[in-house]
């Protein structure tokens, strides 16, 4: 079960409601890869064919370093040949892969204005 959070900047007032964590949608491969580039999709499919194991999907609160948008960053982790690998989704606003993870303690500075970004728990999703 995932969490619904409100991320908001104390300085510039930017705010967004995000669904983070994991849920039942994480069993659907098309849903998992929806925010990835074509190259990432191909790489993930290839890893699966090569015997990648222990896949896990998690969503994290992020801020894009290119456009400043708050968004849910999806991370697919897996092991291949004994090495842990990860593939991240891109920003849905500008398609950049440059991101900053926002911590739940509210100590991450906003990439737009430098003020504190708060992460407030609102509820749960599945």
Protein backbone atom coordinates (compact mmCIF):
# COMPACT_ATOMS: atom_id res chain seq x y z
CA UNK A 1 0.00 0.00 0.00
CA UNK A 2 1.34 3.42 -0.95
CA UNK A 3 1.02 6.84 0.62
CA UNK A 4 -0.58 10.02 -0.66
CA UNK A 5 1.53 13.04 0.23
CA UNK A 6 1.39 16.79 -0.36
CA UNK A 7 4.77 18.31 -1.20
CA UNK A 8 4.97 22.07 -0.92
CA UNK A 9 7.67 24.71 -0.86
CA UNK A 10 7.60 27.30 1.92
CA UNK A 11 9.28 29.87 -0.32
CA UNK A 12 7.74 29.81 -3.79
CA UNK A 13 4.43 28.16 -2.81
CA UNK A 14 4.73 25.41 -5.39
CA UNK A 15 2.65 22.40 -4.28
CA UNK A 16 1.67 18.98 -5.62
CA UNK A 17 -0.20 15.89 -4.38
CA UNK A 18 1.78 12.70 -5.09
CA UNK A 19 1.17 8.96 -4.81
CA UNK A 20 4.37 7.32 -3.51
CA UNK A 21 5.32 3.85 -2.31
CA UNK A 22 3.83 0.81 -4.01
CA UNK A 23 0.47 -0.72 -4.75
CA UNK A 24 -1.43 -3.30 -6.76
CA UNK A 25 -0.66 -1.45 -10.03
CA UNK A 26 2.94 -2.59 -9.59
CA UNK A 27 2.00 -6.03 -10.90
CA UNK A 28 1.24 -4.58 -14.35
CA UNK A 29 4.40 -4.32 -16.50
CA UNK A 30 2.93 -1.63 -18.80
CA UNK A 31 2.10 0.52 -15.78
CA UNK A 32 5.59 0.06 -14.37
CA UNK A 33 7.38 1.21 -17.53
CA UNK A 34 5.00 4.02 -18.50
CA UNK A 35 7.36 6.86 -17.50
CA UNK A 36 10.52 5.36 -18.99
CA UNK A 37 12.33 6.16 -22.22
CA UNK A 38 12.25 3.66 -25.08
CA UNK A 39 15.89 2.82 -24.38
CA UNK A 40 15.13 2.10 -20.70
CA UNK A 41 12.18 -0.10 -21.68
CA UNK A 42 14.40 -2.07 -24.05
CA UNK A 43 17.13 -2.38 -21.39
CA UNK A 44 14.62 -3.61 -18.81
CA UNK A 45 13.16 -6.17 -21.21
CA UNK A 46 16.67 -7.37 -22.06
CA UNK A 47 17.54 -7.70 -18.36
CA UNK A 48 14.42 -9.81 -17.85
CA UNK A 49 15.45 -12.09 -20.73
CA UNK A 50 18.96 -12.38 -19.28
CA UNK A 51 17.56 -13.66 -15.98
CA UNK A 52 17.23 -10.56 -13.79
CA UNK A 53 15.67 -11.43 -10.42
CA UNK A 54 14.10 -9.84 -7.35
CA UNK A 55 12.35 -6.97 -9.10
CA UNK A 56 10.92 -4.27 -6.84
CA UNK A 57 9.00 -1.15 -7.78
CA UNK A 58 8.74 1.92 -5.61
CA UNK A 59 7.62 5.50 -6.13
CA UNK A 60 9.46 8.43 -4.53
CA UNK A 61 8.67 12.14 -4.19
CA UNK A 62 11.01 14.01 -6.56
CA UNK A 63 11.70 17.48 -7.85
CA UNK A 64 12.94 17.88 -11.41
CA UNK A 65 16.29 19.66 -11.60
CA UNK A 66 15.49 20.95 -15.09
CA UNK A 67 11.97 22.43 -14.79
CA UNK A 68 11.39 22.44 -10.99
CA UNK A 69 8.21 20.31 -11.08
CA UNK A 70 7.33 18.06 -8.16
CA UNK A 71 6.48 14.56 -9.39
CA UNK A 72 6.34 10.89 -8.45
CA UNK A 73 9.55 9.22 -9.58
CA UNK A 74 9.18 5.50 -10.24
CA UNK A 75 12.20 3.31 -9.51
CA UNK A 76 12.48 -0.30 -10.73
CA UNK A 77 15.25 -2.20 -8.91
CA UNK A 78 16.51 -5.69 -9.73
CA UNK A 79 19.55 -7.96 -9.51
CA UNK A 80 21.40 -9.10 -12.62
CA UNK A 81 24.58 -11.17 -12.44
CA UNK A 82 24.79 -10.53 -8.68
CA UNK A 83 24.71 -6.75 -9.09
CA UNK A 84 21.86 -4.47 -7.98
CA UNK A 85 20.62 -2.20 -10.76
CA UNK A 86 17.92 0.47 -10.93
CA UNK A 87 15.94 2.23 -13.65
CA UNK A 88 14.16 5.54 -12.93
CA UNK A 89 11.25 7.22 -14.71
CA UNK A 90 11.65 10.70 -16.13
CA UNK A 91 9.89 13.98 -15.30
CA UNK A 92 6.39 13.92 -16.80
CA UNK A 93 6.52 17.69 -17.47
CA UNK A 94 9.79 18.05 -19.38
CA UNK A 95 11.03 14.41 -19.77
CA UNK A 96 14.33 15.13 -17.98
CA UNK A 97 16.01 12.39 -15.95
CA UNK A 98 17.65 14.97 -13.63
CA UNK A 99 15.90 14.63 -10.28
CA UNK A 100 16.30 15.35 -6.62
CA UNK A 101 14.66 12.99 -4.14
CA UNK A 102 12.58 14.78 -1.51
CA UNK A 103 12.93 13.32 1.96
CA UNK A 104 9.91 12.90 4.21
CA UNK A 105 11.59 14.84 7.03
CA UNK A 106 11.15 18.05 5.04
CA UNK A 107 14.83 19.01 4.95
CA UNK A 108 15.31 19.03 1.16
CA UNK A 109 15.70 22.55 -0.27
CA UNK A 110 13.60 23.56 -3.27
CA UNK A 111 15.65 23.59 -6.47
CA UNK A 112 13.74 26.71 -7.58
CA UNK A 113 14.12 29.03 -4.56
CA UNK A 114 16.23 27.15 -1.98
CA UNK A 115 13.58 27.18 0.75
CA UNK A 116 12.43 24.06 2.62
CA UNK A 117 10.13 21.57 0.87
CA UNK A 118 7.60 19.98 3.22
CA UNK A 119 6.23 16.46 2.67
CA UNK A 120 2.88 15.98 4.46
CA UNK A 121 1.12 12.60 4.68
CA UNK A 122 -2.53 12.79 3.49
CA UNK A 123 -3.62 9.17 3.23
CA UNK A 124 -3.07 5.84 1.50
CA UNK A 125 -3.61 4.34 -1.96
CA UNK A 126 -3.50 0.80 -3.34
